[in-house]
Amino acid sequence: MASVTCTVYAGISYGRPPSSAANSKHRRMVAVRAETVNPDIRKTEDKVVDSVLVTDLSKPVTAYCRCWRSKTFPLCDGTHLKHNKATGDNVGPLLLKTK
């Protein structure tokens, strides 16, 4: 089993980690098992890729899953809330807006 270790910085989703020693108390290590990112969605495909024309969306806002646990994948069903609580992750949906 392969593992990936990530450094997570509190309050920073993307970008560079804080450089000052004062911010180092917010750093924590999280081990993520690479095989658990996509537990069961279209595992027979080499690469799972979906595309949607924004003009085809029927709602002004459509949520797409980014945690790979949605029973309605690729649409978000809110499953990330349970995943986040269990793992300490902060993943949320990708929101596509028509307006």
PDB file of N, CA and C in Angstrom:
ATOM      1  N   MET A   1       0.838  -1.190   0.000  1.00  0.00           N
ATOM      2  CA  MET A   1       0.000   0.000   0.000  1.00  0.00           C
ATOM      3  C   MET A   1       0.875   1.243   0.000  1.00  0.00           C
ATOM      4  N   ALA A   2       0.591   2.131  -0.921  1.00  0.00           N
ATOM      5  CA  ALA A   2       1.339   3.377  -1.012  1.00  0.00           C
ATOM      6  C   ALA A   2       0.707   4.434  -0.131  1.00  0.00           C
ATOM      7  N   SER A   3       1.518   5.242   0.495  1.00  0.00           N
ATOM      8  CA  SER A   3       1.030   6.360   1.297  1.00  0.00           C
ATOM      9  C   SER A   3       1.653   7.637   0.782  1.00  0.00           C
ATOM     10  N   VAL A   4       0.919   8.701   0.939  1.00  0.00           N
ATOM     11  CA  VAL A   4       1.418  10.014   0.583  1.00  0.00           C
ATOM     12  C   VAL A   4       1.312  10.867   1.830  1.00  0.00           C
ATOM     13  N   THR A   5       2.359  11.552   2.200  1.00  0.00           N
ATOM     14  CA  THR A   5       2.313  12.426   3.360  1.00  0.00           C
ATOM     15  C   THR A   5       2.258  13.862   2.880  1.00  0.00           C
ATOM     16  N   CYS A   6       1.301  14.595   3.404  1.00  0.00           N
ATOM     17  CA  CYS A   6       1.095  15.989   3.010  1.00  0.00           C
ATOM     18  C   CYS A   6       1.282  16.884   4.224  1.00  0.00           C
ATOM     19  N   THR A   7       1.781  18.063   4.011  1.00  0.00           N
ATOM     20  CA  THR A   7       1.830  19.060   5.070  1.00  0.00           C
ATOM     21  C   THR A   7       0.660  20.004   4.866  1.00  0.00           C
ATOM     22  N   VAL A   8      -0.139  20.164   5.901  1.00  0.00           N
ATOM     23  CA  VAL A   8      -1.325  21.009   5.828  1.00  0.00           C
ATOM     24  C   VAL A   8      -1.100  22.220   6.710  1.00  0.00           C
ATOM     25  N   TYR A   9      -1.354  23.391   6.182  1.00  0.00           N
ATOM     26  CA  TYR A   9      -1.210  24.618   6.935  1.00  0.00           C
ATOM     27  C   TYR A   9      -2.592  25.182   7.242  1.00  0.00           C
ATOM     28  N   ALA A  10      -2.871  25.389   8.506  1.00  0.00           N
ATOM     29  CA  ALA A  10      -4.191  25.861   8.942  1.00  0.00           C
ATOM     30  C   ALA A  10      -4.543  27.174   8.277  1.00  0.00           C
ATOM     31  N   GLY A  11      -5.729  27.230   7.733  1.00  0.00           N
ATOM     32  CA  GLY A  11      -6.233  28.459   7.152  1.00  0.00           C
ATOM     33  C   GLY A  11      -5.737  28.762   5.761  1.00  0.00           C
ATOM     34  N   ILE A  12      -4.896  27.896   5.183  1.00  0.00           N
ATOM     35  CA  ILE A  12      -4.369  28.149   3.851  1.00  0.00           C
ATOM     36  C   ILE A  12      -4.704  26.961   2.970  1.00  0.00           C
ATOM     37  N   SER A  13      -5.544  27.180   1.979  1.00  0.00           N
ATOM     38  CA  SER A  13      -5.933  26.107   1.087  1.00  0.00           C
ATOM     39  C   SER A  13      -4.911  25.902  -0.022  1.00  0.00           C
ATOM     40  N   TYR A  14      -4.433  26.964  -0.604  1.00  0.00           N
ATOM     41  CA  TYR A  14      -3.499  26.901  -1.707  1.00  0.00           C
ATOM     42  C   TYR A  14      -2.436  27.963  -1.499  1.00  0.00           C
ATOM     43  N   GLY A  15      -1.342  27.833  -2.182  1.00  0.00           N
ATOM     44  CA  GLY A  15      -0.302  28.840  -2.082  1.00  0.00           C
ATOM     45  C   GLY A  15       0.859  28.349  -1.256  1.00  0.00           C
ATOM     46  N   ARG A  16       1.703  29.261  -0.873  1.00  0.00           N
ATOM     47  CA  ARG A  16       2.921  28.915  -0.166  1.00  0.00           C
ATOM     48  C   ARG A  16       2.665  28.805   1.326  1.00  0.00           C
ATOM     49  N   PRO A  17       3.398  27.911   2.013  1.00  0.00           N
ATOM     50  CA  PRO A  17       3.257  27.796   3.466  1.00  0.00           C
ATOM     51  C   PRO A  17       3.818  29.022   4.167  1.00  0.00           C
ATOM     52  N   PRO A  18       3.344  29.309   5.362  1.00  0.00           N
ATOM     53  CA  PRO A  18       3.877  30.452   6.096  1.00  0.00           C
ATOM     54  C   PRO A  18       5.360  30.246   6.380  1.00  0.00           C
ATOM     55  N   SER A  19       6.143  31.320   6.269  1.00  0.00           N
ATOM     56  CA  SER A  19       7.591  31.188   6.430  1.00  0.00           C
ATOM     57  C   SER A  19       8.070  31.556   7.826  1.00  0.00           C
ATOM     58  N   SER A  20       7.295  32.271   8.585  1.00  0.00           N
ATOM     59  CA  SER A  20       7.772  32.704   9.898  1.00  0.00           C
ATOM     60  C   SER A  20       7.651  31.589  10.925  1.00  0.00           C
ATOM     61  N   ALA A  21       8.535  31.591  11.885  1.00  0.00           N
ATOM     62  CA  ALA A  21       8.516  30.583  12.942  1.00  0.00           C
ATOM     63  C   ALA A  21       7.255  30.704  13.787  1.00  0.00           C
ATOM     64  N   ALA A  22       6.701  31.912  13.880  1.00  0.00           N
ATOM     65  CA  ALA A  22       5.494  32.118  14.671  1.00  0.00           C
ATOM     66  C   ALA A  22       4.322  31.318  14.116  1.00  0.00           C
ATOM     67  N   ASN A  23       4.289  31.131  12.802  1.00  0.00           N
ATOM     68  CA  ASN A  23       3.192  30.385  12.190  1.00  0.00           C
ATOM     69  C   ASN A  23       3.408  28.878  12.222  1.00  0.00           C
ATOM     70  N   SER A  24       4.570  28.399  12.654  1.00  0.00           N
ATOM     71  CA  SER A  24       4.862  26.970  12.626  1.00  0.00           C
ATOM     72  C   SER A  24       3.983  26.176  13.572  1.00  0.00           C
ATOM     73  N   LYS A  25       3.409  26.794  14.591  1.00  0.00           N
ATOM     74  CA  LYS A  25       2.527  26.073  15.511  1.00  0.00           C
ATOM     75  C   LYS A  25       1.236  25.630  14.823  1.00  0.00           C
ATOM     76  N   HIS A  26       0.904  26.193  13.653  1.00  0.00           N
ATOM     77  CA  HIS A  26      -0.300  25.828  12.933  1.00  0.00           C
ATOM     78  C   HIS A  26      -0.086  24.647  11.987  1.00  0.00           C
ATOM     79  N   ARG A  27       1.136  24.177  11.868  1.00  0.00           N
ATOM     80  CA  ARG A  27       1.468  23.113  10.936  1.00  0.00           C
ATOM     81  C   ARG A  27       1.125  21.762  11.552  1.00  0.00           C
ATOM     82  N   ARG A  28       0.590  20.852  10.739  1.00  0.00           N
ATOM     83  CA  ARG A  28       0.340  19.493  11.185  1.00  0.00           C
ATOM     84  C   ARG A  28       0.548  18.562  10.007  1.00  0.00           C
ATOM     85  N   MET A  29       0.892  17.336  10.297  1.00  0.00           N
ATOM     86  CA  MET A  29       1.130  16.357   9.253  1.00  0.00           C
ATOM     87  C   MET A  29      -0.102  15.465   9.114  1.00  0.00           C
ATOM     88  N   VAL A  30      -0.462  15.150   7.883  1.00  0.00           N
ATOM     89  CA  VAL A  30      -1.594  14.282   7.607  1.00  0.00           C
ATOM     90  C   VAL A  30      -1.119  13.204   6.648  1.00  0.00           C
ATOM     91  N   ALA A  31      -1.340  11.941   6.990  1.00  0.00           N
ATOM     92  CA  ALA A  31      -0.995  10.839   6.086  1.00  0.00           C
ATOM     93  C   ALA A  31      -2.248  10.457   5.308  1.00  0.00           C
ATOM     94  N   VAL A  32      -2.117  10.379   3.997  1.00  0.00           N
ATOM     95  CA  VAL A  32      -3.243  10.040   3.131  1.00  0.00           C
ATOM     96  C   VAL A  32      -2.887   8.789   2.350  1.00  0.00           C
ATOM     97  N   ARG A  33      -3.734   7.803   2.383  1.00  0.00           N
ATOM     98  CA  ARG A  33      -3.500   6.599   1.591  1.00  0.00           C
ATOM     99  C   ARG A  33      -3.933   6.896   0.174  1.00  0.00           C
ATOM    100  N   ALA A  34      -3.032   6.770  -0.769  1.00  0.00           N
ATOM    101  CA  ALA A  34      -3.298   7.124  -2.158  1.00  0.00           C
ATOM    102  C   ALA A  34      -4.453   6.317  -2.738  1.00  0.00           C
ATOM    103  N   GLU A  35      -4.619   5.047  -2.363  1.00  0.00           N
ATOM    104  CA  GLU A  35      -5.667   4.227  -2.940  1.00  0.00           C
ATOM    105  C   GLU A  35      -7.064   4.581  -2.413  1.00  0.00           C
ATOM    106  N   THR A  36      -7.171   5.422  -1.405  1.00  0.00           N
ATOM    107  CA  THR A  36      -8.477   5.774  -0.865  1.00  0.00           C
ATOM    108  C   THR A  36      -9.048   7.063  -1.449  1.00  0.00           C
ATOM    109  N   VAL A  37      -8.315   7.723  -2.342  1.00  0.00           N
ATOM    110  CA  VAL A  37      -8.831   8.952  -2.933  1.00  0.00           C
ATOM    111  C   VAL A  37     -10.103   8.663  -3.720  1.00  0.00           C
ATOM    112  N   ASN A  38     -10.077   7.656  -4.566  1.00  0.00           N
ATOM    113  CA  ASN A  38     -11.244   7.224  -5.327  1.00  0.00           C
ATOM    114  C   ASN A  38     -11.551   5.791  -4.917  1.00  0.00           C
ATOM    115  N   PRO A  39     -12.451   5.590  -3.940  1.00  0.00           N
ATOM    116  CA  PRO A  39     -12.673   4.250  -3.417  1.00  0.00           C
ATOM    117  C   PRO A  39     -13.371   3.286  -4.380  1.00  0.00           C
ATOM    118  N   ASP A  40     -14.258   3.792  -5.257  1.00  0.00           N
ATOM    119  CA  ASP A  40     -14.988   2.834  -6.091  1.00  0.00           C
ATOM    120  C   ASP A  40     -15.615   3.383  -7.369  1.00  0.00           C
ATOM    121  N   ILE A  41     -15.258   4.563  -7.794  1.00  0.00           N
ATOM    122  CA  ILE A  41     -15.894   5.169  -8.965  1.00  0.00           C
ATOM    123  C   ILE A  41     -15.118   4.849 -10.228  1.00  0.00           C
ATOM    124  N   ARG A  42     -15.752   4.093 -11.137  1.00  0.00           N
ATOM    125  CA  ARG A  42     -15.205   3.786 -12.461  1.00  0.00           C
ATOM    126  C   ARG A  42     -13.739   3.344 -12.393  1.00  0.00           C
ATOM    127  N   LYS A  43     -13.463   2.377 -11.527  1.00  0.00           N
ATOM    128  CA  LYS A  43     -12.104   1.890 -11.303  1.00  0.00           C
ATOM    129  C   LYS A  43     -11.518   1.155 -12.511  1.00  0.00           C
ATOM    130  N   THR A  44     -12.351   0.733 -13.462  1.00  0.00           N
ATOM    131  CA  THR A  44     -11.840   0.031 -14.642  1.00  0.00           C
ATOM    132  C   THR A  44     -11.242   0.983 -15.664  1.00  0.00           C
ATOM    133  N   GLU A  45     -11.465   2.296 -15.502  1.00  0.00           N
ATOM    134  CA  GLU A  45     -10.922   3.288 -16.433  1.00  0.00           C
ATOM    135  C   GLU A  45      -9.526   3.717 -15.991  1.00  0.00           C
ATOM    136  N   ASP A  46      -8.636   3.930 -16.970  1.00  0.00           N
ATOM    137  CA  ASP A  46      -7.282   4.396 -16.651  1.00  0.00           C
ATOM    138  C   ASP A  46      -7.299   5.770 -15.988  1.00  0.00           C
ATOM    139  N   LYS A  47      -8.206   6.632 -16.441  1.00  0.00           N
ATOM    140  CA  LYS A  47      -8.305   7.990 -15.911  1.00  0.00           C
ATOM    141  C   LYS A  47      -9.763   8.411 -15.975  1.00  0.00           C
ATOM    142  N   VAL A  48     -10.323   8.849 -14.862  1.00  0.00           N
ATOM    143  CA  VAL A  48     -11.713   9.296 -14.825  1.00  0.00           C
ATOM    144  C   VAL A  48     -11.751  10.776 -15.189  1.00  0.00           C
ATOM    145  N   VAL A  49     -12.403  11.079 -16.308  1.00  0.00           N
ATOM    146  CA  VAL A  49     -12.508  12.454 -16.788  1.00  0.00           C
ATOM    147  C   VAL A  49     -13.968  12.722 -17.137  1.00  0.00           C
ATOM    148  N   ASP A  50     -14.491  13.832 -16.664  1.00  0.00           N
ATOM    149  CA  ASP A  50     -15.851  14.252 -16.990  1.00  0.00           C
ATOM    150  C   ASP A  50     -15.803  15.663 -17.549  1.00  0.00           C
ATOM    151  N   SER A  51     -16.683  15.940 -18.484  1.00  0.00           N
ATOM    152  CA  SER A  51     -16.787  17.309 -18.981  1.00  0.00           C
ATOM    153  C   SER A  51     -18.263  17.667 -19.111  1.00  0.00           C
ATOM    154  N   VAL A  52     -18.547  18.931 -18.865  1.00  0.00           N
ATOM    155  CA  VAL A  52     -19.914  19.438 -18.913  1.00  0.00           C
ATOM    156  C   VAL A  52     -19.871  20.802 -19.587  1.00  0.00           C
ATOM    157  N   LEU A  53     -20.764  21.021 -20.524  1.00  0.00           N
ATOM    158  CA  LEU A  53     -20.899  22.349 -21.107  1.00  0.00           C
ATOM    159  C   LEU A  53     -21.708  23.203 -20.136  1.00  0.00           C
ATOM    160  N   VAL A  54     -21.146  24.289 -19.713  1.00  0.00           N
ATOM    161  CA  VAL A  54     -21.828  25.148 -18.732  1.00  0.00           C
ATOM    162  C   VAL A  54     -23.177  25.609 -19.271  1.00  0.00           C
ATOM    163  N   THR A  55     -23.291  25.780 -20.570  1.00  0.00           N
ATOM    164  CA  THR A  55     -24.569  26.206 -21.154  1.00  0.00           C
ATOM    165  C   THR A  55     -25.645  25.127 -21.022  1.00  0.00           C
ATOM    166  N   ASP A  56     -25.249  23.870 -20.770  1.00  0.00           N
ATOM    167  CA  ASP A  56     -26.215  22.779 -20.607  1.00  0.00           C
ATOM    168  C   ASP A  56     -26.728  22.622 -19.179  1.00  0.00           C
ATOM    169  N   LEU A  57     -26.178  23.379 -18.233  1.00  0.00           N
ATOM    170  CA  LEU A  57     -26.620  23.260 -16.844  1.00  0.00           C
ATOM    171  C   LEU A  57     -28.040  23.788 -16.695  1.00  0.00           C
ATOM    172  N   SER A  58     -28.857  23.032 -15.978  1.00  0.00           N
ATOM    173  CA  SER A  58     -30.262  23.426 -15.831  1.00  0.00           C
ATOM    174  C   SER A  58     -30.500  24.341 -14.627  1.00  0.00           C
ATOM    175  N   LYS A  59     -29.532  24.422 -13.706  1.00  0.00           N
ATOM    176  CA  LYS A  59     -29.669  25.261 -12.518  1.00  0.00           C
ATOM    177  C   LYS A  59     -28.629  26.373 -12.555  1.00  0.00           C
ATOM    178  N   PRO A  60     -28.876  27.485 -11.863  1.00  0.00           N
ATOM    179  CA  PRO A  60     -27.888  28.565 -11.829  1.00  0.00           C
ATOM    180  C   PRO A  60     -26.588  28.156 -11.125  1.00  0.00           C
ATOM    181  N   VAL A  61     -26.661  27.203 -10.173  1.00  0.00           N
ATOM    182  CA  VAL A  61     -25.472  26.695  -9.478  1.00  0.00           C
ATOM    183  C   VAL A  61     -25.576  25.172  -9.416  1.00  0.00           C
ATOM    184  N   THR A  62     -24.518  24.488  -9.844  1.00  0.00           N
ATOM    185  CA  THR A  62     -24.467  23.028  -9.785  1.00  0.00           C
ATOM    186  C   THR A  62     -23.198  22.629  -9.052  1.00  0.00           C
ATOM    187  N   ALA A  63     -23.343  21.748  -8.048  1.00  0.00           N
ATOM    188  CA  ALA A  63     -22.205  21.311  -7.243  1.00  0.00           C
ATOM    189  C   ALA A  63     -21.666  19.985  -7.763  1.00  0.00           C
ATOM    190  N   TYR A  64     -20.360  19.951  -8.029  1.00  0.00           N
ATOM    191  CA  TYR A  64     -19.687  18.734  -8.493  1.00  0.00           C
ATOM    192  C   TYR A  64     -18.767  18.208  -7.400  1.00  0.00           C
ATOM    193  N   CYS A  65     -18.766  16.901  -7.245  1.00  0.00           N
ATOM    194  CA  CYS A  65     -17.999  16.220  -6.201  1.00  0.00           C
ATOM    195  C   CYS A  65     -16.501  16.346  -6.429  1.00  0.00           C
ATOM    196  N   ARG A  66     -15.759  16.603  -5.333  1.00  0.00           N
ATOM    197  CA  ARG A  66     -14.300  16.590  -5.377  1.00  0.00           C
ATOM    198  C   ARG A  66     -13.723  15.628  -4.342  1.00  0.00           C
ATOM    199  N   CYS A  67     -14.588  14.973  -3.546  1.00  0.00           N
ATOM    200  CA  CYS A  67     -14.090  14.046  -2.521  1.00  0.00           C
ATOM    201  C   CYS A  67     -14.130  12.594  -2.996  1.00  0.00           C
ATOM    202  N   TRP A  68     -14.730  12.323  -4.112  1.00  0.00           N
ATOM    203  CA  TRP A  68     -14.843  10.988  -4.711  1.00  0.00           C
ATOM    204  C   TRP A  68     -15.720  10.044  -3.900  1.00  0.00           C
ATOM    205  N   ARG A  69     -16.577  10.531  -3.025  1.00  0.00           N
ATOM    206  CA  ARG A  69     -17.403   9.648  -2.223  1.00  0.00           C
ATOM    207  C   ARG A  69     -18.894   9.805  -2.507  1.00  0.00           C
ATOM    208  N   SER A  70     -19.255  10.709  -3.379  1.00  0.00           N
ATOM    209  CA  SER A  70     -20.655  10.966  -3.697  1.00  0.00           C
ATOM    210  C   SER A  70     -21.307   9.765  -4.369  1.00  0.00           C
ATOM    211  N   LYS A  71     -22.495   9.413  -3.914  1.00  0.00           N
ATOM    212  CA  LYS A  71     -23.267   8.333  -4.544  1.00  0.00           C
ATOM    213  C   LYS A  71     -23.852   8.797  -5.878  1.00  0.00           C
ATOM    214  N   THR A  72     -23.822  10.089  -6.147  1.00  0.00           N
ATOM    215  CA  THR A  72     -24.351  10.638  -7.394  1.00  0.00           C
ATOM    216  C   THR A  72     -23.225  11.216  -8.261  1.00  0.00           C
ATOM    217  N   PHE A  73     -21.994  10.721  -8.053  1.00  0.00           N
ATOM    218  CA  PHE A  73     -20.836  11.228  -8.782  1.00  0.00           C
ATOM    219  C   PHE A  73     -21.118  11.280 -10.280  1.00  0.00           C
ATOM    220  N   PRO A  74     -20.793  12.361 -10.980  1.00  0.00           N
ATOM    221  CA  PRO A  74     -19.904  13.444 -10.573  1.00  0.00           C
ATOM    222  C   PRO A  74     -20.589  14.568  -9.801  1.00  0.00           C
ATOM    223  N   LEU A  75     -21.893  14.473  -9.561  1.00  0.00           N
ATOM    224  CA  LEU A  75     -22.572  15.511  -8.792  1.00  0.00           C
ATOM    225  C   LEU A  75     -22.349  15.303  -7.297  1.00  0.00           C
ATOM    226  N   CYS A  76     -22.260  16.381  -6.556  1.00  0.00           N
ATOM    227  CA  CYS A  76     -22.067  16.339  -5.106  1.00  0.00           C
ATOM    228  C   CYS A  76     -23.382  15.999  -4.419  1.00  0.00           C
ATOM    229  N   ASP A  77     -23.312  15.096  -3.432  1.00  0.00           N
ATOM    230  CA  ASP A  77     -24.499  14.792  -2.629  1.00  0.00           C
ATOM    231  C   ASP A  77     -24.289  15.139  -1.154  1.00  0.00           C
ATOM    232  N   GLY A  78     -23.215  15.855  -0.842  1.00  0.00           N
ATOM    233  CA  GLY A  78     -22.938  16.272   0.534  1.00  0.00           C
ATOM    234  C   GLY A  78     -22.144  15.260   1.344  1.00  0.00           C
ATOM    235  N   THR A  79     -21.733  14.157   0.740  1.00  0.00           N
ATOM    236  CA  THR A  79     -20.992  13.121   1.446  1.00  0.00           C
ATOM    237  C   THR A  79     -19.676  13.642   2.011  1.00  0.00           C
ATOM    238  N   HIS A  80     -19.117  14.690   1.408  1.00  0.00           N
ATOM    239  CA  HIS A  80     -17.847  15.239   1.893  1.00  0.00           C
ATOM    240  C   HIS A  80     -17.946  15.689   3.352  1.00  0.00           C
ATOM    241  N   LEU A  81     -19.130  16.053   3.818  1.00  0.00           N
ATOM    242  CA  LEU A  81     -19.284  16.487   5.210  1.00  0.00           C
ATOM    243  C   LEU A  81     -18.892  15.369   6.176  1.00  0.00           C
ATOM    244  N   LYS A  82     -19.373  14.150   5.897  1.00  0.00           N
ATOM    245  CA  LYS A  82     -19.038  12.990   6.726  1.00  0.00           C
ATOM    246  C   LYS A  82     -17.548  12.664   6.594  1.00  0.00           C
ATOM    247  N   HIS A  83     -17.037  12.705   5.368  1.00  0.00           N
ATOM    248  CA  HIS A  83     -15.616  12.453   5.116  1.00  0.00           C
ATOM    249  C   HIS A  83     -14.748  13.463   5.874  1.00  0.00           C
ATOM    250  N   ASN A  84     -15.102  14.743   5.805  1.00  0.00           N
ATOM    251  CA  ASN A  84     -14.324  15.781   6.476  1.00  0.00           C
ATOM    252  C   ASN A  84     -14.314  15.577   7.991  1.00  0.00           C
ATOM    253  N   LYS A  85     -15.463  15.218   8.547  1.00  0.00           N
ATOM    254  CA  LYS A  85     -15.558  15.014   9.986  1.00  0.00           C
ATOM    255  C   LYS A  85     -14.702  13.825  10.420  1.00  0.00           C
ATOM    256  N   ALA A  86     -14.702  12.764   9.617  1.00  0.00           N
ATOM    257  CA  ALA A  86     -13.956  11.550   9.958  1.00  0.00           C
ATOM    258  C   ALA A  86     -12.449  11.710   9.777  1.00  0.00           C
ATOM    259  N   THR A  87     -12.026  12.530   8.809  1.00  0.00           N
ATOM    260  CA  THR A  87     -10.605  12.598   8.467  1.00  0.00           C
ATOM    261  C   THR A  87      -9.935  13.923   8.820  1.00  0.00           C
ATOM    262  N   GLY A  88     -10.707  14.960   9.124  1.00  0.00           N
ATOM    263  CA  GLY A  88     -10.124  16.276   9.360  1.00  0.00           C
ATOM    264  C   GLY A  88      -9.815  17.017   8.074  1.00  0.00           C
ATOM    265  N   ASP A  89     -10.271  16.471   6.942  1.00  0.00           N
ATOM    266  CA  ASP A  89     -10.059  17.105   5.641  1.00  0.00           C
ATOM    267  C   ASP A  89     -10.965  18.329   5.526  1.00  0.00           C
ATOM    268  N   ASN A  90     -10.780  19.131   4.495  1.00  0.00           N
ATOM    269  CA  ASN A  90     -11.632  20.307   4.300  1.00  0.00           C
ATOM    270  C   ASN A  90     -12.158  20.386   2.872  1.00  0.00           C
ATOM    271  N   VAL A  91     -12.242  19.249   2.197  1.00  0.00           N
ATOM    272  CA  VAL A  91     -12.694  19.224   0.802  1.00  0.00           C
ATOM    273  C   VAL A  91     -14.167  19.639   0.701  1.00  0.00           C
ATOM    274  N   GLY A  92     -14.485  20.336  -0.360  1.00  0.00           N
ATOM    275  CA  GLY A  92     -15.863  20.735  -0.640  1.00  0.00           C
ATOM    276  C   GLY A  92     -16.109  20.593  -2.127  1.00  0.00           C
ATOM    277  N   PRO A  93     -17.305  20.890  -2.579  1.00  0.00           N
ATOM    278  CA  PRO A  93     -17.635  20.706  -3.993  1.00  0.00           C
ATOM    279  C   PRO A  93     -17.060  21.803  -4.884  1.00  0.00           C
ATOM    280  N   LEU A  94     -17.015  21.504  -6.172  1.00  0.00           N
ATOM    281  CA  LEU A  94     -16.725  22.499  -7.190  1.00  0.00           C
ATOM    282  C   LEU A  94     -18.077  23.059  -7.620  1.00  0.00           C
ATOM    283  N   LEU A  95     -18.278  24.361  -7.500  1.00  0.00           N
ATOM    284  CA  LEU A  95     -19.539  24.976  -7.876  1.00  0.00           C
ATOM    285  C   LEU A  95     -19.427  25.588  -9.259  1.00  0.00           C
ATOM    286  N   LEU A  96     -20.273  25.145 -10.169  1.00  0.00           N
ATOM    287  CA  LEU A  96     -20.334  25.744 -11.504  1.00  0.00           C
ATOM    288  C   LEU A  96     -21.542  26.658 -11.527  1.00  0.00           C
ATOM    289  N   LYS A  97     -21.326  27.896 -11.919  1.00  0.00           N
ATOM    290  CA  LYS A  97     -22.385  28.904 -11.936  1.00  0.00           C
ATOM    291  C   LYS A  97     -22.637  29.348 -13.364  1.00  0.00           C
ATOM    292  N   THR A  98     -23.909  29.467 -13.721  1.00  0.00           N
ATOM    293  CA  THR A  98     -24.257  29.905 -15.053  1.00  0.00           C
ATOM    294  C   THR A  98     -24.379  31.427 -15.130  1.00  0.00           C
ATOM    295  N   LYS A  99     -24.433  32.100 -14.019  1.00  0.00           N
ATOM    296  CA  LYS A  99     -24.587  33.556 -14.002  1.00  0.00           C
ATOM    297  C   LYS A  99     -23.507  34.195 -13.174  1.00  0.00           C
TER     298      LYS A  99
END
